[in-house]
């Protein structure tokens, strides 16, 4: 799915649903992009789709670092490593502890072992002019 343009929130939600439908237990998805690129919005859309609840409260895990969800598709972890002080701290978060969990990680570049374990990488960018988002999806390992 390379080179996807998302003009608005509805397109982001639709991409989130498409990605969620393809995710399998054990998948580790990296959400990459600058601040404001839409990583959390896309994660929210994926989680809501996995949960089957379009109104599910999905807060940003910026301060908690990890938000867990129980969904009909199994355990889902949403992590934001932006505030990670040291890459070794990632072990304490338990992101790789449940081999059946679907894990979504923002700012994964702060923990090389997470990057190495990725099964899917979603890169989001703000196009020139600031309208919409440009997305590239690549398969990891």
Protein backbone atom coordinates (compact mmCIF):
# COMPACT_ATOMS: atom_id res chain seq x y z
CA UNK A 1 0.00 0.00 0.00
CA UNK A 2 2.68 2.59 -0.82
CA UNK A 3 1.86 6.22 -1.51
CA UNK A 4 -1.55 6.70 0.10
CA UNK A 5 -2.96 10.21 0.46
CA UNK A 6 -5.34 10.80 3.37
CA UNK A 7 -7.26 14.03 2.77
CA UNK A 8 -9.18 14.00 6.08
CA UNK A 9 -10.14 12.20 9.29
CA UNK A 10 -12.59 9.91 7.49
CA UNK A 11 -9.80 8.71 5.19
CA UNK A 12 -7.58 8.11 8.22
CA UNK A 13 -10.36 6.06 9.86
CA UNK A 14 -10.82 4.07 6.65
CA UNK A 15 -7.09 3.29 6.42
CA UNK A 16 -7.11 2.31 10.10
CA UNK A 17 -9.96 -0.14 9.43
CA UNK A 18 -8.15 -1.58 6.40
CA UNK A 19 -4.93 -2.07 8.37
CA UNK A 20 -6.82 -3.54 11.35
CA UNK A 21 -8.47 -6.11 9.10
CA UNK A 22 -5.03 -7.31 7.97
CA UNK A 23 -3.34 -7.41 11.38
CA UNK A 24 -2.66 -10.77 12.99
CA UNK A 25 -1.80 -11.73 16.58
CA UNK A 26 1.86 -10.99 17.19
CA UNK A 27 2.09 -8.14 14.69
CA UNK A 28 4.21 -5.18 15.73
CA UNK A 29 3.30 -2.00 13.85
CA UNK A 30 5.56 1.04 13.87
CA UNK A 31 3.87 4.39 13.33
CA UNK A 32 6.49 6.86 12.14
CA UNK A 33 6.36 10.57 11.45
CA UNK A 34 7.03 13.99 12.85
CA UNK A 35 4.99 15.57 15.65
CA UNK A 36 1.50 16.22 14.34
CA UNK A 37 1.80 13.79 11.42
CA UNK A 38 -1.19 11.75 12.58
CA UNK A 39 0.38 8.74 14.27
CA UNK A 40 -2.01 8.77 17.22
CA UNK A 41 -5.04 9.45 15.00
CA UNK A 42 -4.19 6.40 12.88
CA UNK A 43 -3.51 4.26 15.96
CA UNK A 44 -6.87 5.36 17.38
CA UNK A 45 -8.61 4.32 14.14
CA UNK A 46 -6.87 0.92 14.16
CA UNK A 47 -7.72 0.27 17.82
CA UNK A 48 -11.34 1.32 17.41
CA UNK A 49 -11.66 -1.01 14.42
CA UNK A 50 -10.03 -3.92 16.27
CA UNK A 51 -12.36 -3.28 19.21
CA UNK A 52 -15.41 -2.96 16.98
CA UNK A 53 -16.27 0.30 18.75
CA UNK A 54 -16.04 3.55 16.73
CA UNK A 55 -16.60 5.60 19.90
CA UNK A 56 -14.00 3.86 22.09
CA UNK A 57 -11.95 6.32 24.15
CA UNK A 58 -8.38 5.91 22.91
CA UNK A 59 -6.15 8.43 24.68
CA UNK A 60 -2.63 9.17 23.56
CA UNK A 61 -0.17 7.03 25.54
CA UNK A 62 2.38 9.86 25.64
CA UNK A 63 2.49 10.04 29.43
CA UNK A 64 1.45 6.48 30.34
CA UNK A 65 3.84 5.14 27.65
CA UNK A 66 1.58 2.10 27.08
CA UNK A 67 -2.22 1.79 26.88
CA UNK A 68 -3.58 -1.80 26.83
CA UNK A 69 -6.87 -2.79 25.22
CA UNK A 70 -8.83 -6.05 25.28
CA UNK A 71 -10.56 -6.48 21.94
CA UNK A 72 -12.47 -9.27 20.20
CA UNK A 73 -9.25 -9.76 18.19
CA UNK A 74 -7.19 -10.17 21.37
CA UNK A 75 -4.84 -7.98 23.34
CA UNK A 76 -3.72 -4.71 21.78
CA UNK A 77 -0.97 -2.49 23.17
CA UNK A 78 -0.54 1.12 22.05
CA UNK A 79 2.83 2.57 23.03
CA UNK A 80 4.43 5.97 22.63
CA UNK A 81 8.18 5.89 23.28
CA UNK A 82 8.71 9.64 22.86
CA UNK A 83 9.38 10.09 26.58
CA UNK A 84 11.54 6.98 26.93
CA UNK A 85 14.68 8.06 28.75
CA UNK A 86 16.89 5.13 27.75
CA UNK A 87 16.35 2.40 25.14
CA UNK A 88 16.88 -0.23 27.86
CA UNK A 89 13.69 0.99 29.58
CA UNK A 90 11.61 -0.58 26.80
CA UNK A 91 12.03 -4.01 28.43
CA UNK A 92 10.04 -2.76 31.44
CA UNK A 93 7.09 -1.86 29.19
CA UNK A 94 6.44 -5.49 28.23
CA UNK A 95 5.75 -4.73 24.58
CA UNK A 96 7.18 -8.05 23.44
CA UNK A 97 5.98 -10.15 26.40
CA UNK A 98 2.71 -11.38 24.87
CA UNK A 99 3.45 -13.06 21.51
CA UNK A 100 -0.27 -12.96 20.64
CA UNK A 101 -0.72 -9.21 21.22
CA UNK A 102 -1.03 -6.71 18.40
CA UNK A 103 1.36 -3.88 19.28
CA UNK A 104 1.25 -0.35 17.85
CA UNK A 105 4.31 1.79 18.61
CA UNK A 106 4.87 5.49 18.07
CA UNK A 107 8.43 6.87 18.20
CA UNK A 108 9.88 3.34 18.01
CA UNK A 109 13.22 4.67 16.77
CA UNK A 110 14.00 5.32 20.45
CA UNK A 111 14.22 1.53 20.99
CA UNK A 112 16.21 -0.36 18.31
CA UNK A 113 14.96 -3.78 19.46
CA UNK A 114 11.38 -2.69 18.76
CA UNK A 115 12.34 -1.45 15.29
CA UNK A 116 14.05 -4.77 14.58
CA UNK A 117 10.91 -6.72 15.56
CA UNK A 118 8.50 -4.70 13.38
CA UNK A 119 6.18 -6.58 11.04
CA UNK A 120 4.67 -3.43 9.50
CA UNK A 121 5.92 0.15 9.23
CA UNK A 122 3.49 2.98 8.58
CA UNK A 123 5.17 6.30 7.78
CA UNK A 124 3.06 9.45 7.89
CA UNK A 125 4.10 12.85 6.56
CA UNK A 126 2.50 16.26 6.35
CA UNK A 127 2.51 17.34 2.70
CA UNK A 128 3.66 20.77 1.63
CA UNK A 129 0.79 23.12 2.40
CA UNK A 130 -0.23 21.10 5.46
CA UNK A 131 -3.50 19.62 4.13
CA UNK A 132 -4.04 15.90 4.61
CA UNK A 133 -1.37 13.29 5.20
CA UNK A 134 0.85 11.22 2.92
CA UNK A 135 1.25 7.61 4.09
CA UNK A 136 3.62 4.84 3.10
CA UNK A 137 3.10 1.30 4.37
CA UNK A 138 5.92 -1.24 4.21
CA UNK A 139 6.32 -4.75 5.52
CA UNK A 140 8.93 -5.18 8.27
CA UNK A 141 11.19 -8.15 8.99
